């Protein structure tokens, strides 16, 4: 991802390692402490902190919980362009799971919603 001037929405992979190390040290934890709690090796945590490897989503999620943070707080806010495409894809996926009758009802509800917003 490109880095922009808005720190809240920017994220770079190499920044995460330093942040992971700082958070761990602020909690007074060793790499072994963190590794044991996350079910990984201390070498894995070392590699993450030195930006040699990326955390899997599972480990990233557990790490955020361990540090008392949300994923957004740990890695930065989601880029607006991704949020829009993600919402669209989620919507399409949900619609595909509906029966034809449910889809028709949803279209009717959307039309009512849009008319009230105008």
N, C-alpha and C. Protein backbone atom coordinates (compact mmCIF):
# COMPACT_ATOMS: atom_id res chain seq x y z
N UNK A 1 0.83 -1.18 0.00
CA UNK A 1 0.00 0.00 0.00
C UNK A 1 0.87 1.24 0.00
N UNK A 2 0.39 2.26 -0.64
CA UNK A 2 1.12 3.51 -0.63
C UNK A 2 0.90 4.21 0.70
N UNK A 3 1.92 4.86 1.15
CA UNK A 3 1.79 5.65 2.37
C UNK A 3 1.29 7.03 2.01
N UNK A 4 0.30 7.52 2.74
CA UNK A 4 -0.19 8.86 2.47
C UNK A 4 0.09 9.74 3.69
N UNK A 5 -0.36 10.97 3.63
CA UNK A 5 -0.08 11.92 4.71
C UNK A 5 -0.96 11.71 5.93
N UNK A 6 -2.01 10.94 5.82
CA UNK A 6 -2.92 10.72 6.93
C UNK A 6 -2.47 9.49 7.70
N UNK A 7 -1.85 9.68 8.86
CA UNK A 7 -1.32 8.56 9.64
C UNK A 7 -2.40 7.58 10.03
N UNK A 8 -3.62 8.06 10.23
CA UNK A 8 -4.69 7.19 10.67
C UNK A 8 -5.08 6.17 9.59
N UNK A 9 -4.88 6.50 8.32
CA UNK A 9 -5.28 5.59 7.26
C UNK A 9 -4.10 4.95 6.56
N UNK A 10 -2.89 5.21 7.00
CA UNK A 10 -1.74 4.64 6.31
C UNK A 10 -1.21 3.44 7.07
N UNK A 11 -0.60 2.53 6.33
CA UNK A 11 -0.01 1.35 6.93
C UNK A 11 1.05 0.81 6.01
N UNK A 12 2.16 0.47 6.57
CA UNK A 12 3.21 -0.18 5.82
C UNK A 12 3.65 -1.39 6.62
N UNK A 13 3.90 -2.48 5.93
CA UNK A 13 4.28 -3.74 6.56
C UNK A 13 5.45 -3.55 7.52
N UNK A 14 6.47 -2.82 7.10
CA UNK A 14 7.67 -2.69 7.95
C UNK A 14 7.36 -1.93 9.25
N UNK A 15 6.33 -1.12 9.26
CA UNK A 15 5.96 -0.39 10.47
C UNK A 15 5.38 -1.32 11.54
N UNK A 16 4.78 -2.42 11.12
CA UNK A 16 4.11 -3.30 12.07
C UNK A 16 5.11 -3.96 13.01
N UNK A 17 6.25 -4.39 12.50
CA UNK A 17 7.25 -5.04 13.34
C UNK A 17 7.67 -4.17 14.51
N UNK A 18 7.97 -2.93 14.22
CA UNK A 18 8.38 -1.99 15.27
C UNK A 18 7.24 -1.76 16.26
N UNK A 19 6.03 -1.69 15.75
CA UNK A 19 4.88 -1.47 16.62
C UNK A 19 4.64 -2.68 17.52
N UNK A 20 4.77 -3.88 16.94
CA UNK A 20 4.60 -5.12 17.70
C UNK A 20 5.63 -5.18 18.84
N UNK A 21 6.88 -4.85 18.53
CA UNK A 21 7.93 -4.85 19.55
C UNK A 21 7.63 -3.83 20.65
N UNK A 22 7.26 -2.62 20.25
CA UNK A 22 6.98 -1.56 21.23
C UNK A 22 5.82 -1.95 22.15
N UNK A 23 4.76 -2.50 21.57
CA UNK A 23 3.62 -2.91 22.38
C UNK A 23 4.01 -4.01 23.37
N UNK A 24 4.78 -4.97 22.89
CA UNK A 24 5.22 -6.07 23.75
C UNK A 24 6.05 -5.54 24.92
N UNK A 25 6.99 -4.68 24.61
CA UNK A 25 7.85 -4.13 25.66
C UNK A 25 7.07 -3.27 26.64
N UNK A 26 6.10 -2.51 26.14
CA UNK A 26 5.27 -1.69 27.02
C UNK A 26 4.46 -2.53 27.99
N UNK A 27 4.13 -3.75 27.59
CA UNK A 27 3.38 -4.67 28.47
C UNK A 27 4.33 -5.47 29.37
N UNK A 28 5.64 -5.29 29.18
CA UNK A 28 6.61 -6.00 29.99
C UNK A 28 6.70 -7.49 29.66
N UNK A 29 6.40 -7.83 28.41
CA UNK A 29 6.42 -9.23 27.98
C UNK A 29 7.68 -9.56 27.20
N UNK A 30 8.12 -10.80 27.31
CA UNK A 30 9.23 -11.27 26.49
C UNK A 30 8.66 -11.84 25.20
N UNK A 31 9.53 -12.07 24.24
CA UNK A 31 9.08 -12.72 23.01
C UNK A 31 8.51 -14.10 23.32
N UNK A 32 9.12 -14.80 24.28
CA UNK A 32 8.62 -16.12 24.67
C UNK A 32 7.23 -16.01 25.28
N UNK A 33 7.01 -15.01 26.14
CA UNK A 33 5.68 -14.80 26.73
C UNK A 33 4.62 -14.67 25.64
N UNK A 34 4.90 -13.80 24.68
CA UNK A 34 3.96 -13.55 23.59
C UNK A 34 3.78 -14.81 22.76
N UNK A 35 4.88 -15.46 22.42
CA UNK A 35 4.82 -16.68 21.61
C UNK A 35 3.97 -17.75 22.28
N UNK A 36 4.16 -17.94 23.57
CA UNK A 36 3.38 -18.94 24.31
C UNK A 36 1.89 -18.62 24.28
N UNK A 37 1.55 -17.35 24.44
CA UNK A 37 0.13 -16.95 24.46
C UNK A 37 -0.51 -17.07 23.07
N UNK A 38 0.31 -16.93 22.02
CA UNK A 38 -0.22 -16.97 20.65
C UNK A 38 -0.07 -18.34 20.00
N UNK A 39 0.63 -19.25 20.65
CA UNK A 39 0.82 -20.58 20.09
C UNK A 39 1.80 -20.61 18.92
N UNK A 40 2.81 -19.75 18.99
CA UNK A 40 3.85 -19.70 17.96
C UNK A 40 5.20 -19.80 18.66
N UNK A 41 6.28 -19.75 17.90
CA UNK A 41 7.61 -19.81 18.50
C UNK A 41 8.15 -18.41 18.76
N UNK A 42 9.09 -18.29 19.71
CA UNK A 42 9.73 -16.99 19.93
C UNK A 42 10.45 -16.50 18.66
N UNK A 43 10.98 -17.43 17.86
CA UNK A 43 11.63 -17.05 16.61
C UNK A 43 10.66 -16.38 15.64
N UNK A 44 9.42 -16.85 15.63
CA UNK A 44 8.38 -16.25 14.78
C UNK A 44 8.15 -14.80 15.21
N UNK A 45 8.03 -14.58 16.54
CA UNK A 45 7.82 -13.22 17.05
C UNK A 45 9.02 -12.35 16.71
N UNK A 46 10.22 -12.89 16.84
CA UNK A 46 11.42 -12.14 16.47
C UNK A 46 11.39 -11.75 15.00
N UNK A 47 11.01 -12.69 14.14
CA UNK A 47 10.93 -12.40 12.71
C UNK A 47 9.90 -11.32 12.40
N UNK A 48 8.78 -11.36 13.10
CA UNK A 48 7.75 -10.34 12.91
C UNK A 48 8.29 -8.98 13.35
N UNK A 49 8.89 -8.93 14.53
CA UNK A 49 9.39 -7.67 15.06
C UNK A 49 10.50 -7.08 14.19
N UNK A 50 11.22 -7.92 13.49
CA UNK A 50 12.29 -7.45 12.61
C UNK A 50 11.84 -7.34 11.15
N UNK A 51 10.53 -7.43 10.95
CA UNK A 51 9.90 -7.28 9.62
C UNK A 51 10.43 -8.29 8.59
N UNK A 52 10.79 -9.48 9.07
CA UNK A 52 11.22 -10.53 8.15
C UNK A 52 10.07 -11.43 7.74
N UNK A 53 8.99 -11.39 8.51
CA UNK A 53 7.81 -12.18 8.19
C UNK A 53 6.57 -11.42 8.63
N UNK A 54 5.46 -11.71 7.96
CA UNK A 54 4.19 -11.08 8.31
C UNK A 54 3.38 -12.02 9.19
N UNK A 55 2.64 -11.45 10.11
CA UNK A 55 1.76 -12.26 10.95
C UNK A 55 0.60 -12.77 10.11
N UNK A 56 0.20 -14.00 10.37
CA UNK A 56 -1.02 -14.50 9.75
C UNK A 56 -2.19 -13.73 10.34
N UNK A 57 -3.32 -13.77 9.68
CA UNK A 57 -4.49 -13.06 10.19
C UNK A 57 -4.90 -13.59 11.56
N UNK A 58 -4.81 -14.90 11.73
CA UNK A 58 -5.16 -15.51 13.02
C UNK A 58 -4.27 -14.95 14.12
N UNK A 59 -2.97 -14.96 13.90
CA UNK A 59 -2.03 -14.48 14.91
C UNK A 59 -2.19 -12.98 15.12
N UNK A 60 -2.40 -12.25 14.05
CA UNK A 60 -2.61 -10.81 14.15
C UNK A 60 -3.83 -10.50 15.01
N UNK A 61 -4.89 -11.25 14.81
CA UNK A 61 -6.11 -11.06 15.60
C UNK A 61 -5.86 -11.35 17.08
N UNK A 62 -5.21 -12.46 17.37
CA UNK A 62 -4.91 -12.81 18.76
C UNK A 62 -3.94 -11.82 19.39
N UNK A 63 -2.98 -11.34 18.60
CA UNK A 63 -2.02 -10.37 19.12
C UNK A 63 -2.75 -9.08 19.52
N UNK A 64 -3.65 -8.63 18.66
CA UNK A 64 -4.42 -7.42 18.97
C UNK A 64 -5.20 -7.62 20.27
N UNK A 65 -5.84 -8.78 20.42
CA UNK A 65 -6.59 -9.06 21.65
C UNK A 65 -5.66 -9.08 22.86
N UNK A 66 -4.50 -9.70 22.72
CA UNK A 66 -3.53 -9.78 23.80
C UNK A 66 -3.10 -8.38 24.26
N UNK A 67 -2.98 -7.48 23.31
CA UNK A 67 -2.55 -6.12 23.62
C UNK A 67 -3.72 -5.20 23.98
N UNK A 68 -4.94 -5.73 23.92
CA UNK A 68 -6.12 -4.92 24.26
C UNK A 68 -6.46 -3.91 23.19
N UNK A 69 -6.20 -4.28 21.92
CA UNK A 69 -6.45 -3.38 20.80
C UNK A 69 -7.40 -4.01 19.80
N UNK A 70 -7.98 -3.18 18.95
CA UNK A 70 -8.71 -3.69 17.79
C UNK A 70 -7.70 -3.87 16.67
N UNK A 71 -8.08 -4.60 15.62
CA UNK A 71 -7.19 -4.72 14.47
C UNK A 71 -6.92 -3.37 13.84
N UNK A 72 -7.94 -2.52 13.78
CA UNK A 72 -7.75 -1.16 13.24
C UNK A 72 -6.68 -0.41 14.02
N UNK A 73 -6.73 -0.51 15.34
CA UNK A 73 -5.75 0.19 16.16
C UNK A 73 -4.35 -0.38 15.96
N UNK A 74 -4.27 -1.68 15.71
CA UNK A 74 -2.96 -2.31 15.53
C UNK A 74 -2.35 -2.00 14.18
N UNK A 75 -3.12 -2.11 13.12
CA UNK A 75 -2.54 -1.96 11.78
C UNK A 75 -2.94 -0.68 11.07
N UNK A 76 -3.87 0.06 11.60
CA UNK A 76 -4.30 1.29 10.95
C UNK A 76 -5.69 1.11 10.35
N UNK A 77 -6.30 2.19 10.03
CA UNK A 77 -7.65 2.15 9.47
C UNK A 77 -7.63 1.58 8.06
N UNK A 78 -8.75 0.98 7.67
CA UNK A 78 -8.89 0.42 6.33
C UNK A 78 -9.02 1.55 5.32
N UNK A 79 -8.33 1.41 4.20
CA UNK A 79 -8.41 2.41 3.13
C UNK A 79 -9.85 2.52 2.63
N UNK A 80 -10.35 3.73 2.38
CA UNK A 80 -11.73 3.92 1.94
C UNK A 80 -12.08 3.11 0.69
N UNK A 81 -11.15 3.01 -0.26
CA UNK A 81 -11.41 2.27 -1.49
C UNK A 81 -11.67 0.80 -1.20
N UNK A 82 -10.91 0.23 -0.26
CA UNK A 82 -11.09 -1.18 0.10
C UNK A 82 -12.41 -1.36 0.84
N UNK A 83 -12.70 -0.44 1.73
CA UNK A 83 -13.94 -0.54 2.51
C UNK A 83 -15.15 -0.57 1.57
N UNK A 84 -15.13 0.29 0.52
CA UNK A 84 -16.24 0.34 -0.42
C UNK A 84 -16.36 -0.96 -1.19
N UNK A 85 -15.26 -1.49 -1.71
CA UNK A 85 -15.34 -2.74 -2.48
C UNK A 85 -15.69 -3.91 -1.57
N UNK A 86 -15.21 -3.89 -0.35
CA UNK A 86 -15.52 -4.95 0.60
C UNK A 86 -17.00 -4.95 0.94
N UNK A 87 -17.57 -3.77 1.18
CA UNK A 87 -18.99 -3.68 1.48
C UNK A 87 -19.82 -4.17 0.31
N UNK A 88 -19.42 -3.79 -0.90
CA UNK A 88 -20.14 -4.22 -2.10
C UNK A 88 -20.09 -5.75 -2.23
N UNK A 89 -18.90 -6.32 -2.07
CA UNK A 89 -18.75 -7.77 -2.20
C UNK A 89 -19.55 -8.52 -1.13
N UNK A 90 -19.58 -7.98 0.07
CA UNK A 90 -20.37 -8.59 1.14
C UNK A 90 -21.85 -8.53 0.81
N UNK A 91 -22.29 -7.40 0.31
CA UNK A 91 -23.69 -7.24 -0.07
C UNK A 91 -24.08 -8.23 -1.17
N UNK A 92 -23.26 -8.34 -2.21
CA UNK A 92 -23.54 -9.27 -3.30
C UNK A 92 -23.60 -10.70 -2.79
N UNK A 93 -22.67 -11.05 -1.92
CA UNK A 93 -22.64 -12.39 -1.35
C UNK A 93 -23.91 -12.69 -0.56
N UNK A 94 -24.34 -11.73 0.23
CA UNK A 94 -25.56 -11.91 1.02
C UNK A 94 -26.79 -12.04 0.12
N UNK A 95 -26.84 -11.23 -0.93
CA UNK A 95 -27.99 -11.27 -1.84
C UNK A 95 -28.06 -12.62 -2.55
N UNK A 96 -26.91 -13.16 -2.94
CA UNK A 96 -26.90 -14.46 -3.61
C UNK A 96 -27.50 -15.56 -2.74
N UNK A 97 -27.42 -15.41 -1.44
CA UNK A 97 -27.96 -16.41 -0.52
C UNK A 97 -29.45 -16.31 -0.29
N UNK A 98 -30.08 -15.30 -0.87
CA UNK A 98 -31.52 -15.10 -0.69
C UNK A 98 -32.32 -15.82 -1.77
N UNK A 99 -33.54 -16.17 -1.43
CA UNK A 99 -34.44 -16.72 -2.44
C UNK A 99 -34.87 -15.58 -3.36
N UNK A 100 -35.47 -15.92 -4.50
CA UNK A 100 -35.94 -14.90 -5.43
C UNK A 100 -36.95 -13.99 -4.75
N UNK A 101 -37.83 -14.56 -3.98
CA UNK A 101 -38.85 -13.77 -3.27
C UNK A 101 -38.18 -12.81 -2.27
N UNK A 102 -37.17 -13.29 -1.55
CA UNK A 102 -36.46 -12.44 -0.61
C UNK A 102 -35.69 -11.33 -1.33
N UNK A 103 -35.13 -11.64 -2.49
CA UNK A 103 -34.42 -10.63 -3.28
C UNK A 103 -35.38 -9.54 -3.73
N UNK A 104 -36.57 -9.94 -4.18
CA UNK A 104 -37.57 -8.97 -4.62
C UNK A 104 -37.99 -8.07 -3.46
N UNK A 105 -38.15 -8.67 -2.30
CA UNK A 105 -38.53 -7.89 -1.11
C UNK A 105 -37.40 -6.91 -0.75
N UNK A 106 -36.17 -7.35 -0.87
CA UNK A 106 -35.04 -6.48 -0.58
C UNK A 106 -34.99 -5.30 -1.55
N UNK A 107 -35.22 -5.55 -2.82
CA UNK A 107 -35.24 -4.47 -3.82
C UNK A 107 -36.31 -3.46 -3.45
N UNK A 108 -37.47 -3.96 -3.06
CA UNK A 108 -38.57 -3.06 -2.65
C UNK A 108 -38.15 -2.24 -1.44
N UNK A 109 -37.52 -2.87 -0.47
CA UNK A 109 -37.07 -2.16 0.73
C UNK A 109 -36.01 -1.11 0.38
N UNK A 110 -35.11 -1.43 -0.53
CA UNK A 110 -34.08 -0.48 -0.94
C UNK A 110 -34.69 0.73 -1.63
N UNK A 111 -35.68 0.49 -2.45
CA UNK A 111 -36.35 1.61 -3.12
C UNK A 111 -37.03 2.53 -2.12
N UNK A 112 -37.66 1.94 -1.12
CA UNK A 112 -38.31 2.74 -0.07
C UNK A 112 -37.25 3.53 0.69
N UNK A 113 -36.16 2.87 1.03
CA UNK A 113 -35.07 3.52 1.76
C UNK A 113 -34.51 4.70 0.98
N UNK A 114 -34.24 4.48 -0.31
CA UNK A 114 -33.68 5.54 -1.14
C UNK A 114 -34.64 6.71 -1.30
N UNK A 115 -35.94 6.42 -1.40
CA UNK A 115 -36.91 7.50 -1.57
C UNK A 115 -37.00 8.35 -0.30
N UNK A 116 -36.80 7.75 0.86
CA UNK A 116 -36.82 8.51 2.11
C UNK A 116 -35.57 9.34 2.30
N UNK A 117 -34.46 8.91 1.70
CA UNK A 117 -33.20 9.62 1.81
C UNK A 117 -33.15 10.83 0.89
N UNK A 118 -33.96 10.84 -0.15
CA UNK A 118 -33.93 11.93 -1.14
C UNK A 118 -34.56 13.19 -0.64
